[in-house]
Amino acid sequence: MNLILSELKLIFRSRLSLVTLVFLFCISTLSIGLGIKELHKQQHTIESLEPLHEQDVALLAERFKKEKNGGEAGDAAYYTFFYTWDAPPAEAFAALGLRDVAPYVLRIRALGLQAQLYEGESFNPELTLPGRFDFAFVLIYLSPLFIIALLHDLISSEKQSGRLRLLGSLPRFGARSWTLKAALRYLLVFFALVTPLIIGAIYLSVSLSTLLGFIAITLLYMAFWFGLSLWIISRGWHSVTNATTLVSLWVMLTLILPTLSNLVITRKVPVAQGVDLMLTQRQTIHSAWEIPREITMQQFFIHHPEWKDTAPLPPTFHWKWYFAFHQLGDESVERDFQAYRQGLLKRQQWTNRLGWFLPGVSAQTTLHRFANTDLLSQLDYQDQIIKYHQSIRNFYYHYLFNETPFYYADFQKRPEFQPEPKASTVSVSELLPLTLLSIIFLILGIYGLSRPQLK
């Protein structure tokens, strides 16, 4: 116990160590604060837009209130927007993931859906680099630098000052002493990182299982960098050489290799942009104006035979024909849509495989999965929109194909969007790559401390 207290005093007497730990605590606190702020901002945006949307619908409904015999259902279907949203989970405060680039609010109509899903897309979100300044960013990109600052001269400073041989001559000084020194620094870095995280999780009422998942990832990722640092500093090099080598490894493992790997995955798994689906769908829709209407309806009835026996089209314009070729436009790109999604998922699979070699990639993907802010969560929101859009179409088709007038009271019958609750679905196997890398390099680091020249 006395040895631990003495070592702690030495750590806190070192200006570099003290500044490093305090600065790490400050930026960890800042990242948590910014994450909570972004969470509240997104929630406020969702809540403030909903009444504005309802006002728009109410103004449209007023037009139908004056129609005693009812109005055209097609007018209501064409002009009415429906509000969808993807509320931020509390866990997202620590790892925002794709929530800063993917839409979390989308207003849709009964028209072709593909164009509405991607008309705001101007980039491919999976290609974005580090992202916002959140806890995940601090842990993955910055914490290794603080670990390097604390460990790079742990042994070399004693050697350069001439105290290493003296320490080695002491009867109880050896690998255990170096391990104790490293372990205390490990715990101090851990508490500097995790204390703000725990406070933020309690404030937002994050589930205990998710918080423990965040803590486990932090422990494992730090263990990797401590093990790697111990192995390097046990080589017997000078402090400058240790620092240069470790920073070079940091650049390679967190910046260069992930970026190059991302480029390789992008080339290996080519995926068209969502905007390409939008353009193809719109081209199909626009071409319907040049095709005989009977042909369009026959194609529509193939997949929707329930409306086949309804009244034929009049010689003039009819809304059911208009919405029929919009649905055909969506169906014409269904294969491309599935291929697009499969391509994104395949890229995600390759990214997960990189986690077996790059600890930063493994930690980041697992953090985003715990926080429900990854690609799977984004696609889940998209699936909810698709399901909701189909219920909107079915609602209006009843009026359109049965030639039923649409009254003011019918606006209250509109289907409402009900977002499905999200739950973290991280399996133990997803932590396996990071766990193995951490154990391997931690063993190497501890083994390096047992080198004869350090005794």
Protein backbone atom coordinates (compact mmCIF):
# COMPACT_ATOMS: atom_id res chain seq x y z
CA MET A 1 0.00 0.00 0.00
CA ASN A 2 2.88 2.35 0.86
CA LEU A 3 4.46 1.59 -2.51
CA ILE A 4 1.22 2.51 -4.31
CA LEU A 5 0.90 5.78 -2.40
CA SER A 6 4.54 6.65 -3.07
CA GLU A 7 4.10 6.00 -6.79
CA LEU A 8 0.94 8.11 -6.90
CA LYS A 9 2.84 10.98 -5.26
CA LEU A 10 5.56 10.70 -7.90
CA ILE A 11 2.96 10.75 -10.68
CA PHE A 12 1.22 13.85 -9.35
CA ARG A 13 4.53 15.62 -8.70
CA SER A 14 5.35 15.28 -12.37
CA ARG A 15 4.00 18.37 -14.12
CA LEU A 16 3.68 16.50 -17.42
CA SER A 17 1.69 13.64 -15.86
CA LEU A 18 -0.59 15.97 -13.90
CA VAL A 19 -1.30 18.24 -16.89
CA THR A 20 -1.89 15.20 -19.10
CA LEU A 21 -4.47 13.67 -16.76
CA VAL A 22 -6.27 16.97 -16.08
CA PHE A 23 -6.37 17.84 -19.78
CA LEU A 24 -7.70 14.37 -20.64
CA PHE A 25 -10.43 14.76 -18.02
CA CYS A 26 -11.34 18.19 -19.43
CA ILE A 27 -11.63 17.07 -23.05
CA SER A 28 -13.55 13.96 -22.01
CA THR A 29 -15.95 16.22 -20.09
CA LEU A 30 -16.19 18.55 -23.09
CA SER A 31 -16.99 15.65 -25.45
CA ILE A 32 -19.74 14.40 -23.13
CA GLY A 33 -21.16 17.90 -22.81
CA LEU A 34 -21.19 18.40 -26.58
CA GLY A 35 -22.76 14.97 -27.07
CA ILE A 36 -25.58 15.79 -24.63
CA LYS A 37 -26.04 19.19 -26.28
CA GLU A 38 -26.35 17.60 -29.73
CA LEU A 39 -28.81 15.07 -28.33
CA HIS A 40 -31.01 17.83 -26.91
CA LYS A 41 -30.71 19.80 -30.15
CA GLN A 42 -31.95 16.89 -32.25
CA GLN A 43 -34.77 16.19 -29.80
CA HIS A 44 -35.77 19.86 -29.84
CA THR A 45 -35.74 19.89 -33.65
CA ILE A 46 -38.06 16.88 -33.75
CA GLU A 47 -40.45 18.35 -31.19
CA SER A 48 -40.51 21.85 -32.71
CA LEU A 49 -41.12 20.67 -36.28
CA GLU A 50 -44.09 18.47 -35.41
CA PRO A 51 -46.55 21.33 -34.54
CA LEU A 52 -45.44 23.23 -37.65
CA HIS A 53 -46.21 20.16 -39.73
CA GLU A 54 -49.64 19.84 -38.12
CA GLN A 55 -50.35 23.48 -38.95
CA ASP A 56 -49.63 22.78 -42.63
CA VAL A 57 -52.01 19.81 -42.61
CA ALA A 58 -54.69 21.86 -40.82
CA LEU A 59 -54.49 24.59 -43.47
CA LEU A 60 -54.93 22.00 -46.20
CA ALA A 61 -57.84 20.39 -44.35
CA GLU A 62 -59.62 23.77 -44.18
CA ARG A 63 -59.97 23.66 -47.97
CA PHE A 64 -61.93 20.41 -47.70
CA LYS A 65 -64.09 21.76 -44.90
CA LYS A 66 -65.83 24.02 -47.42
CA GLU A 67 -66.64 21.07 -49.71
CA LYS A 68 -70.03 19.80 -48.56
CA ASN A 69 -69.95 16.89 -51.02
CA GLY A 70 -66.36 16.08 -50.31
CA GLY A 71 -63.23 16.78 -52.32
CA GLU A 72 -60.83 14.82 -54.48
CA ALA A 73 -58.86 12.25 -52.51
CA GLY A 74 -56.06 12.72 -55.03
CA ASP A 75 -55.71 16.36 -54.02
CA ALA A 76 -55.38 15.35 -50.38
CA ALA A 77 -52.89 12.60 -51.22
CA TYR A 78 -50.80 14.88 -53.41
CA TYR A 79 -50.54 17.86 -51.07
CA THR A 80 -50.51 16.20 -47.65
CA PHE A 81 -47.14 15.59 -46.04
CA PHE A 82 -46.58 12.97 -43.36
CA TYR A 83 -44.08 13.51 -40.58
CA THR A 84 -41.50 10.85 -39.66
CA TRP A 85 -38.66 11.10 -37.20
CA ASP A 86 -35.87 9.06 -35.68
CA ALA A 87 -35.58 10.17 -32.07
CA PRO A 88 -32.00 10.05 -30.74
CA PRO A 89 -31.46 7.25 -28.21
CA ALA A 90 -29.97 8.36 -24.91
CA GLU A 91 -26.88 6.23 -25.61
CA ALA A 92 -26.03 8.40 -28.63
CA PHE A 93 -24.49 11.09 -26.40
CA ALA A 94 -21.27 9.07 -26.31
CA ALA A 95 -21.09 8.04 -29.97
CA LEU A 96 -23.17 10.02 -32.47
CA GLY A 97 -22.12 7.83 -35.40
CA LEU A 98 -24.15 8.54 -38.53
CA ARG A 99 -26.66 10.76 -36.77
CA ASP A 100 -24.69 13.87 -37.72
CA VAL A 101 -24.89 13.05 -41.45
CA ALA A 102 -28.03 10.94 -41.91
CA PRO A 103 -31.47 12.63 -41.77
CA TYR A 104 -33.38 12.02 -38.55
CA VAL A 105 -36.48 13.92 -39.71
CA LEU A 106 -38.21 13.27 -43.03
CA ARG A 107 -41.55 14.44 -44.40
CA ILE A 108 -43.01 12.17 -47.06
CA ARG A 109 -46.04 12.11 -49.36
CA ALA A 110 -48.00 9.33 -51.02
CA LEU A 111 -45.94 9.83 -54.20
CA GLY A 112 -42.92 7.75 -55.26
CA LEU A 113 -40.86 7.05 -52.14
CA GLN A 114 -37.38 6.47 -53.56
CA ALA A 115 -37.07 10.06 -54.74
CA GLN A 116 -38.10 11.29 -51.30
CA LEU A 117 -35.65 9.06 -49.44
CA TYR A 118 -32.57 10.29 -51.28
CA GLU A 119 -33.33 13.71 -52.70
CA GLY A 120 -31.41 15.33 -49.83
CA GLU A 121 -28.36 13.08 -50.16
CA SER A 122 -25.21 14.85 -51.36
CA PHE A 123 -22.59 12.43 -50.02
CA ASN A 124 -22.18 8.85 -48.95
CA PRO A 125 -22.36 8.83 -45.14
CA GLU A 126 -20.28 5.68 -44.67
CA LEU A 127 -17.31 7.50 -46.23
CA THR A 128 -17.20 10.24 -43.61
CA LEU A 129 -14.08 10.23 -41.47
CA PRO A 130 -13.83 10.76 -37.69
CA GLY A 131 -16.99 12.86 -37.36
CA ARG A 132 -18.12 14.99 -34.45
CA PHE A 133 -16.19 15.61 -31.26
CA ASP A 134 -17.83 13.02 -29.04
CA PHE A 135 -16.60 10.50 -26.49
CA ALA A 136 -15.90 7.95 -29.23
CA PHE A 137 -13.61 10.46 -30.93
CA VAL A 138 -11.75 11.21 -27.70
CA LEU A 139 -11.33 7.53 -26.86
CA ILE A 140 -10.23 6.30 -30.26
CA TYR A 141 -8.18 9.19 -31.64
CA LEU A 142 -6.94 11.19 -28.65
CA SER A 143 -6.61 8.88 -25.64
CA PRO A 144 -3.64 6.95 -27.19
CA LEU A 145 -1.70 10.23 -27.32
CA PHE A 146 -2.23 10.76 -23.59
CA ILE A 147 -1.17 7.20 -22.89
CA ILE A 148 1.98 7.77 -24.94
CA ALA A 149 2.69 10.99 -23.04
CA LEU A 150 2.48 9.14 -19.70
CA LEU A 151 4.46 6.04 -20.68
CA HIS A 152 7.08 7.02 -23.27
CA ASP A 153 9.72 7.93 -20.65
CA LEU A 154 8.62 5.60 -17.85
CA ILE A 155 11.81 3.52 -18.13
CA SER A 156 14.05 5.63 -20.34
CA SER A 157 13.98 8.58 -17.92
CA GLU A 158 15.39 6.34 -15.19
CA LYS A 159 18.02 5.02 -17.59
CA GLN A 160 19.04 8.46 -18.85
CA SER A 161 19.34 9.77 -15.27
CA GLY A 162 21.50 6.80 -14.24
CA ARG A 163 19.00 5.45 -11.71
CA LEU A 164 17.97 2.33 -13.60
CA ARG A 165 20.86 0.14 -12.40
CA LEU A 166 20.36 1.38 -8.87
CA LEU A 167 16.67 0.50 -9.00
CA GLY A 168 17.52 -2.88 -10.50
CA SER A 169 19.83 -3.66 -7.58
CA LEU A 170 17.02 -3.28 -5.07
CA PRO A 171 15.84 -6.70 -3.81
CA ARG A 172 12.13 -6.20 -4.51
CA PHE A 173 12.37 -4.05 -7.62
CA GLY A 174 11.66 -5.82 -10.91
CA ALA A 175 8.97 -6.52 -13.44
CA ARG A 176 6.27 -6.26 -10.77
CA SER A 177 7.37 -2.74 -9.92
CA TRP A 178 7.22 -1.62 -13.55
CA THR A 179 3.85 -3.34 -13.91
CA LEU A 180 2.56 -1.49 -10.84
CA LYS A 181 3.74 1.84 -12.24
CA ALA A 182 1.99 1.13 -15.55
CA ALA A 183 -1.16 -0.17 -13.83
CA LEU A 184 -1.54 2.99 -11.77
CA ARG A 185 -1.23 5.13 -14.88
CA TYR A 186 -3.74 2.88 -16.61
CA LEU A 187 -6.27 3.40 -13.81
CA LEU A 188 -5.71 7.16 -13.72
CA VAL A 189 -6.25 7.47 -17.47
CA PHE A 190 -9.30 5.23 -17.21
CA PHE A 191 -10.93 7.33 -14.49
CA ALA A 192 -10.09 10.57 -16.30
CA LEU A 193 -11.86 9.22 -19.38
CA VAL A 194 -14.79 7.39 -17.84
CA THR A 195 -15.85 9.63 -14.95
CA PRO A 196 -17.56 12.19 -17.26
CA LEU A 197 -19.05 9.30 -19.23
CA ILE A 198 -20.65 7.81 -16.11
CA ILE A 199 -22.00 11.20 -15.01
CA GLY A 200 -23.49 11.78 -18.47
CA ALA A 201 -25.04 8.31 -18.54
CA ILE A 202 -26.65 8.84 -15.12
CA TYR A 203 -27.97 12.26 -16.21
CA LEU A 204 -29.59 10.75 -19.31
CA SER A 205 -30.76 7.56 -17.54
CA VAL A 206 -28.80 5.31 -19.89
CA SER A 207 -29.32 1.61 -19.25
CA LEU A 208 -26.72 -0.09 -17.07
CA SER A 209 -25.94 -2.72 -19.73
CA THR A 210 -25.10 -0.04 -22.31
CA LEU A 211 -22.95 1.90 -19.85
CA LEU A 212 -21.07 -1.28 -18.94
CA GLY A 213 -20.59 -1.90 -22.66
CA PHE A 214 -19.04 1.56 -23.10
CA ILE A 215 -16.79 0.96 -20.09
CA ALA A 216 -15.72 -2.47 -21.39
CA ILE A 217 -14.75 -1.02 -24.77
CA THR A 218 -12.80 1.75 -23.03
CA LEU A 219 -10.94 -0.77 -20.85
CA LEU A 220 -10.07 -2.97 -23.79
CA TYR A 221 -8.98 -0.20 -26.13
CA MET A 222 -6.81 1.37 -23.43
CA ALA A 223 -5.33 -2.05 -22.64
CA PHE A 224 -4.21 -2.38 -26.25
CA TRP A 225 -2.39 0.95 -26.22
CA PHE A 226 -0.87 0.36 -22.79
CA GLY A 227 0.37 -3.04 -23.89
CA LEU A 228 1.81 -1.67 -27.13
CA SER A 229 3.44 1.25 -25.29
CA LEU A 230 4.98 -1.02 -22.64
CA TRP A 231 6.39 -3.30 -25.30
CA ILE A 232 8.00 -0.36 -27.11
CA ILE A 233 9.46 1.33 -24.01
CA SER A 234 10.89 -1.98 -22.82
CA ARG A 235 13.19 -2.04 -25.87
CA GLY A 236 15.67 0.15 -23.99
CA TRP A 237 15.50 3.13 -26.38
CA HIS A 238 15.70 6.82 -25.51
CA SER A 239 12.57 8.77 -24.59
CA VAL A 240 12.50 10.67 -27.88
CA THR A 241 12.80 7.41 -29.83
CA ASN A 242 10.01 5.84 -27.80
CA ALA A 243 7.72 8.82 -28.33
CA THR A 244 8.48 9.03 -32.05
CA THR A 245 7.88 5.30 -32.56
CA LEU A 246 4.61 5.30 -30.62
CA VAL A 247 3.26 8.40 -32.35
CA SER A 248 4.16 6.87 -35.71
CA LEU A 249 2.25 3.72 -34.75
CA TRP A 250 -0.68 5.90 -33.66
CA VAL A 251 -0.74 7.63 -37.03
CA MET A 252 -0.61 4.31 -38.87
CA LEU A 253 -3.21 2.48 -36.75
CA THR A 254 -5.77 5.27 -36.32
CA LEU A 255 -5.42 7.38 -39.47
CA ILE A 256 -3.49 5.93 -42.40
CA LEU A 257 -4.43 2.25 -42.33
CA PRO A 258 -8.18 2.82 -41.67
CA THR A 259 -8.31 5.40 -44.47
CA LEU A 260 -6.48 3.17 -46.95
CA SER A 261 -8.61 0.20 -45.94
CA ASN A 262 -11.73 2.26 -46.46
CA LEU A 263 -10.60 3.13 -49.97
CA VAL A 264 -9.92 -0.54 -50.72
CA ILE A 265 -13.37 -1.54 -49.43
CA THR A 266 -14.99 1.20 -51.50
CA ARG A 267 -13.31 -0.15 -54.65
CA LYS A 268 -13.88 -3.78 -53.78
CA VAL A 269 -17.59 -3.24 -53.03
CA PRO A 270 -18.84 -0.55 -55.43
CA VAL A 271 -22.15 0.95 -54.36
CA ALA A 272 -24.18 3.43 -56.38
CA GLN A 273 -25.29 6.59 -54.62
CA GLY A 274 -28.86 6.82 -53.38
CA VAL A 275 -29.32 9.77 -55.72
CA ASP A 276 -28.86 7.36 -58.65
CA LEU A 277 -31.92 5.43 -57.46
CA MET A 278 -33.82 8.69 -57.29
CA LEU A 279 -32.90 9.64 -60.86
CA THR A 280 -33.79 6.19 -62.23
CA GLN A 281 -37.13 6.23 -60.45
CA ARG A 282 -37.95 9.72 -61.66
CA GLN A 283 -37.07 8.77 -65.21
CA THR A 284 -39.55 5.88 -65.02
CA ILE A 285 -42.22 8.19 -63.62
CA HIS A 286 -41.71 10.86 -66.27
CA SER A 287 -41.81 8.31 -69.08
CA ALA A 288 -45.26 7.17 -67.89
CA TRP A 289 -46.77 10.32 -69.40
CA GLU A 290 -45.82 9.00 -72.85
CA ILE A 291 -47.24 5.50 -72.33
CA PRO A 292 -50.93 4.65 -72.88
CA ARG A 293 -52.69 4.80 -69.51
CA GLU A 294 -54.25 1.36 -69.97
CA ILE A 295 -50.80 -0.22 -70.19
CA THR A 296 -49.75 1.52 -66.98
CA MET A 297 -52.84 0.28 -65.15
CA GLN A 298 -52.38 -3.28 -66.42
CA GLN A 299 -48.81 -3.26 -65.06
CA PHE A 300 -50.06 -1.87 -61.76
CA PHE A 301 -52.77 -4.54 -61.40
CA ILE A 302 -50.19 -7.33 -61.79
CA HIS A 303 -48.87 -6.68 -58.27
CA HIS A 304 -52.05 -5.10 -56.91
CA PRO A 305 -54.91 -7.29 -58.14
CA GLU A 306 -57.19 -6.16 -55.30
CA TRP A 307 -57.98 -2.99 -57.32
CA LYS A 308 -58.41 -4.72 -60.67
CA ASP A 309 -62.21 -4.86 -60.64
CA THR A 310 -62.70 -1.18 -59.82
CA ALA A 311 -64.14 1.33 -62.29
CA PRO A 312 -62.12 1.89 -65.50
CA LEU A 313 -60.30 5.12 -66.15
CA PRO A 314 -62.38 8.02 -67.52
CA PRO A 315 -61.17 9.74 -70.70
CA THR A 316 -59.88 12.66 -68.61
CA PHE A 317 -57.12 12.78 -66.01
CA HIS A 318 -57.63 10.60 -62.94
CA TRP A 319 -55.58 10.55 -59.78
CA LYS A 320 -55.50 6.75 -59.48
CA TRP A 321 -53.55 6.53 -62.72
CA TYR A 322 -51.14 9.20 -61.45
CA PHE A 323 -50.43 7.37 -58.18
CA ALA A 324 -50.29 4.02 -59.98
CA PHE A 325 -47.34 5.04 -62.12
CA HIS A 326 -45.62 6.55 -59.08
CA GLN A 327 -45.83 3.17 -57.39
CA LEU A 328 -44.58 1.50 -60.57
CA GLY A 329 -41.64 3.90 -60.44
CA ASP A 330 -40.72 2.61 -56.98
CA GLU A 331 -41.17 -0.99 -58.06
CA SER A 332 -38.98 -0.45 -61.13
CA VAL A 333 -35.96 0.29 -58.92
CA GLU A 334 -36.70 -2.32 -56.25
CA ARG A 335 -33.80 -4.55 -57.36
CA ASP A 336 -31.43 -1.58 -57.48
CA PHE A 337 -32.64 -0.53 -54.05
CA GLN A 338 -31.95 -3.97 -52.58
CA ALA A 339 -28.55 -4.08 -54.29
CA TYR A 340 -27.75 -0.65 -52.85
CA ARG A 341 -28.58 -1.76 -49.34
CA GLN A 342 -26.77 -5.07 -49.70
CA GLY A 343 -23.71 -3.16 -50.89
CA LEU A 344 -23.79 -0.93 -47.82
CA LEU A 345 -24.18 -3.95 -45.54
CA LYS A 346 -21.33 -5.75 -47.29
CA ARG A 347 -19.10 -2.74 -46.77
CA GLN A 348 -20.07 -2.78 -43.12
CA GLN A 349 -19.15 -6.47 -42.90
CA TRP A 350 -15.71 -5.75 -44.35
CA THR A 351 -15.29 -2.89 -41.90
CA ASN A 352 -16.11 -5.26 -39.04
CA ARG A 353 -13.46 -7.66 -40.35
CA LEU A 354 -10.90 -4.87 -40.22
CA GLY A 355 -11.49 -4.80 -36.48
CA TRP A 356 -9.46 -8.01 -36.19
CA PHE A 357 -6.36 -6.02 -37.22
CA LEU A 358 -7.18 -2.40 -36.34
CA PRO A 359 -8.33 -1.88 -32.74
CA GLY A 360 -9.62 1.63 -33.43
CA VAL A 361 -11.99 0.35 -36.10
CA SER A 362 -13.23 -2.42 -33.82
CA ALA A 363 -13.79 -0.01 -30.92
CA GLN A 364 -15.59 2.53 -33.09
CA THR A 365 -17.96 0.11 -34.79
CA THR A 366 -18.85 -1.52 -31.47
CA LEU A 367 -19.43 1.84 -29.77
CA HIS A 368 -21.76 2.90 -32.56
CA ARG A 369 -23.63 -0.41 -32.33
CA PHE A 370 -24.10 0.03 -28.57
CA ALA A 371 -25.33 3.58 -29.15
CA ASN A 372 -27.68 2.60 -32.01
CA THR A 373 -26.09 5.18 -34.29
CA ASP A 374 -24.52 2.93 -36.92
CA LEU A 375 -25.57 1.94 -40.43
CA LEU A 376 -27.95 -0.75 -39.17
CA SER A 377 -29.82 1.81 -37.09
CA GLN A 378 -30.06 4.15 -40.08
CA LEU A 379 -31.44 1.38 -42.29
CA ASP A 380 -33.91 0.44 -39.56
CA TYR A 381 -35.32 3.98 -39.65
CA GLN A 382 -35.53 3.71 -43.42
CA ASP A 383 -37.45 0.43 -43.10
CA GLN A 384 -39.93 2.12 -40.78
CA ILE A 385 -40.47 4.89 -43.36
CA ILE A 386 -41.05 2.32 -46.13
CA LYS A 387 -43.59 0.46 -44.00
CA TYR A 388 -45.33 3.70 -43.05
CA HIS A 389 -45.39 4.91 -46.66
CA GLN A 390 -47.14 1.73 -47.73
CA SER A 391 -49.85 2.31 -45.12
CA ILE A 392 -50.29 5.86 -46.49
CA ARG A 393 -50.75 4.50 -50.01
CA ASN A 394 -53.26 1.90 -48.87
CA PHE A 395 -55.20 4.60 -47.03
CA TYR A 396 -55.60 6.78 -50.12
CA TYR A 397 -56.06 3.90 -52.58
CA HIS A 398 -59.34 3.06 -50.83
CA TYR A 399 -60.68 6.49 -51.79
CA LEU A 400 -59.06 6.73 -55.22
CA PHE A 401 -60.04 3.36 -56.67
CA ASN A 402 -63.49 3.27 -55.10
CA GLU A 403 -64.25 6.81 -56.29
CA THR A 404 -65.02 7.81 -52.69
CA PRO A 405 -65.17 11.53 -51.86
CA PHE A 406 -62.67 12.80 -49.32
CA TYR A 407 -64.14 14.86 -46.48
CA TYR A 408 -62.66 17.12 -43.83
CA ALA A 409 -63.20 14.43 -41.18
CA ASP A 410 -61.13 11.97 -43.22
CA PHE A 411 -57.98 13.92 -42.39
CA GLN A 412 -58.33 12.63 -38.83
CA LYS A 413 -58.20 9.05 -40.15
CA ARG A 414 -54.75 9.42 -41.64
CA PRO A 415 -52.25 6.79 -40.51
CA GLU A 416 -49.85 8.09 -37.89
CA PHE A 417 -46.15 7.32 -37.72
CA GLN A 418 -45.24 5.22 -34.71
CA PRO A 419 -41.45 4.88 -34.32
CA GLU A 420 -40.31 1.53 -33.05
CA PRO A 421 -38.24 1.52 -29.84
CA LYS A 422 -34.55 0.76 -30.22
CA ALA A 423 -32.49 -1.55 -28.10
CA SER A 424 -28.77 -2.26 -28.17
CA THR A 425 -28.18 -5.64 -29.79
CA VAL A 426 -24.45 -6.17 -29.35
CA SER A 427 -23.33 -9.77 -29.10
CA VAL A 428 -20.29 -10.87 -27.13
CA SER A 429 -18.66 -11.99 -30.39
CA GLU A 430 -18.53 -8.36 -31.57
CA LEU A 431 -16.18 -7.58 -28.69
CA LEU A 432 -13.95 -10.55 -29.51
CA PRO A 433 -11.58 -8.83 -32.01
CA LEU A 434 -10.80 -5.96 -29.65
CA THR A 435 -10.51 -8.34 -26.70
CA LEU A 436 -7.98 -10.59 -28.45
CA LEU A 437 -5.86 -7.67 -29.69
CA SER A 438 -5.84 -6.14 -26.22
CA ILE A 439 -4.87 -9.38 -24.49
CA ILE A 440 -2.11 -10.15 -27.00
CA PHE A 441 -0.44 -6.75 -26.75
CA LEU A 442 -0.95 -6.51 -23.00
CA ILE A 443 0.89 -9.83 -22.59
CA LEU A 444 3.65 -8.58 -24.90
CA GLY A 445 3.96 -5.40 -22.88
CA ILE A 446 4.13 -7.15 -19.52
CA TYR A 447 6.58 -9.70 -20.93
CA GLY A 448 8.75 -6.84 -22.16
CA LEU A 449 8.97 -5.47 -18.62
CA SER A 450 10.63 -8.71 -17.52
CA ARG A 451 13.64 -8.16 -19.81
CA PRO A 452 16.94 -8.70 -17.94
CA GLN A 453 18.25 -5.17 -18.62
CA LEU A 454 15.26 -3.74 -16.70
CA LYS A 455 15.94 -5.70 -13.52
